[in-house]
Amino acid sequence: MKQLLPILCAACLCACQPAVPPPDPIARQRAVLDKAKAVEGLLQQQNDQRMKALEEAR
């Protein structure tokens, strides 16, 4: 019995630690959306530059 008590106490202490909360899916989606908006802005800027270069070449 004396050998079992420390094992049970250790098991209880390990089981009582808080679990890692799951990642917030909304925050992840917002981060991905912000990245996509940044890429969209860059692509639009490049497209505008190409169109301007084509108009000047004519």
C-alpha atoms as a PDB file:
ATOM      1  CA  MET A   1       0.000   0.000   0.000  1.00  0.00           C
ATOM      2  CA  LYS A   2       2.843   2.390   0.764  1.00  0.00           C
ATOM      3  CA  GLN A   3       4.240   1.848  -2.705  1.00  0.00           C
ATOM      4  CA  LEU A   4       0.906   2.500  -4.362  1.00  0.00           C
ATOM      5  CA  LEU A   5       0.240   5.835  -2.647  1.00  0.00           C
ATOM      6  CA  PRO A   6       3.092   7.823  -4.322  1.00  0.00           C
ATOM      7  CA  ILE A   7       2.116   6.400  -7.702  1.00  0.00           C
ATOM      8  CA  LEU A   8      -1.514   7.450  -7.222  1.00  0.00           C
ATOM      9  CA  CYS A   9      -0.475  10.919  -6.052  1.00  0.00           C
ATOM     10  CA  ALA A  10       1.783  11.370  -9.069  1.00  0.00           C
ATOM     11  CA  ALA A  11      -0.984  10.208 -11.393  1.00  0.00           C
ATOM     12  CA  CYS A  12      -3.437  12.666  -9.850  1.00  0.00           C
ATOM     13  CA  LEU A  13      -1.000  15.550 -10.159  1.00  0.00           C
ATOM     14  CA  CYS A  14      -0.278  14.772 -13.796  1.00  0.00           C
ATOM     15  CA  ALA A  15      -3.953  14.417 -14.623  1.00  0.00           C
ATOM     16  CA  CYS A  16      -4.827  17.775 -13.061  1.00  0.00           C
ATOM     17  CA  GLN A  17      -2.633  19.863 -15.311  1.00  0.00           C
ATOM     18  CA  PRO A  18      -4.640  22.031 -17.702  1.00  0.00           C
ATOM     19  CA  ALA A  19      -4.811  20.820 -21.255  1.00  0.00           C
ATOM     20  CA  VAL A  20      -3.561  22.942 -24.120  1.00  0.00           C
ATOM     21  CA  PRO A  21      -6.560  24.770 -25.559  1.00  0.00           C
ATOM     22  CA  PRO A  22      -7.366  23.984 -29.183  1.00  0.00           C
ATOM     23  CA  PRO A  23      -6.299  26.585 -31.734  1.00  0.00           C
ATOM     24  CA  ASP A  24      -8.845  29.249 -32.569  1.00  0.00           C
ATOM     25  CA  PRO A  25     -10.087  28.474 -36.105  1.00  0.00           C
ATOM     26  CA  ILE A  26     -11.467  31.987 -36.598  1.00  0.00           C
ATOM     27  CA  ALA A  27      -8.128  33.604 -35.832  1.00  0.00           C
ATOM     28  CA  ARG A  28      -6.426  31.231 -38.261  1.00  0.00           C
ATOM     29  CA  GLN A  29      -8.964  32.030 -40.970  1.00  0.00           C
ATOM     30  CA  ARG A  30      -8.453  35.758 -40.415  1.00  0.00           C
ATOM     31  CA  ALA A  31      -4.698  35.374 -40.742  1.00  0.00           C
ATOM     32  CA  VAL A  32      -5.080  33.423 -43.989  1.00  0.00           C
ATOM     33  CA  LEU A  33      -7.550  35.990 -45.311  1.00  0.00           C
ATOM     34  CA  ASP A  34      -5.169  38.849 -44.506  1.00  0.00           C
ATOM     35  CA  LYS A  35      -2.384  37.074 -46.380  1.00  0.00           C
ATOM     36  CA  ALA A  36      -4.682  36.515 -49.356  1.00  0.00           C
ATOM     37  CA  LYS A  37      -5.660  40.195 -49.389  1.00  0.00           C
ATOM     38  CA  ALA A  38      -2.008  41.201 -49.353  1.00  0.00           C
ATOM     39  CA  VAL A  39      -1.268  38.911 -52.286  1.00  0.00           C
ATOM     40  CA  GLU A  40      -4.323  40.190 -54.149  1.00  0.00           C
ATOM     41  CA  GLY A  41      -3.136  43.763 -53.737  1.00  0.00           C
ATOM     42  CA  LEU A  42       0.303  42.852 -55.037  1.00  0.00           C
ATOM     43  CA  LEU A  43      -1.153  41.057 -58.052  1.00  0.00           C
ATOM     44  CA  GLN A  44      -3.444  43.989 -58.813  1.00  0.00           C
ATOM     45  CA  GLN A  45      -0.509  46.382 -58.631  1.00  0.00           C
ATOM     46  CA  GLN A  46       1.532  44.234 -61.012  1.00  0.00           C
ATOM     47  CA  ASN A  47      -1.412  43.983 -63.394  1.00  0.00           C
ATOM     48  CA  ASP A  48      -1.821  47.760 -63.392  1.00  0.00           C
ATOM     49  CA  GLN A  49       1.866  48.200 -64.176  1.00  0.00           C
ATOM     50  CA  ARG A  50       1.634  45.752 -67.084  1.00  0.00           C
ATOM     51  CA  MET A  51      -1.434  47.456 -68.497  1.00  0.00           C
ATOM     52  CA  LYS A  52       0.263  50.854 -68.233  1.00  0.00           C
ATOM     53  CA  ALA A  53       3.382  49.488 -69.983  1.00  0.00           C
ATOM     54  CA  LEU A  54       1.227  48.027 -72.779  1.00  0.00           C
ATOM     55  CA  GLU A  55      -0.606  51.317 -73.277  1.00  0.00           C
ATOM     56  CA  GLU A  56       2.673  53.229 -73.410  1.00  0.00           C
ATOM     57  CA  ALA A  57       4.085  50.756 -75.950  1.00  0.00           C
ATOM     58  CA  ARG A  58       1.245  51.449 -78.385  1.00  0.00           C
END
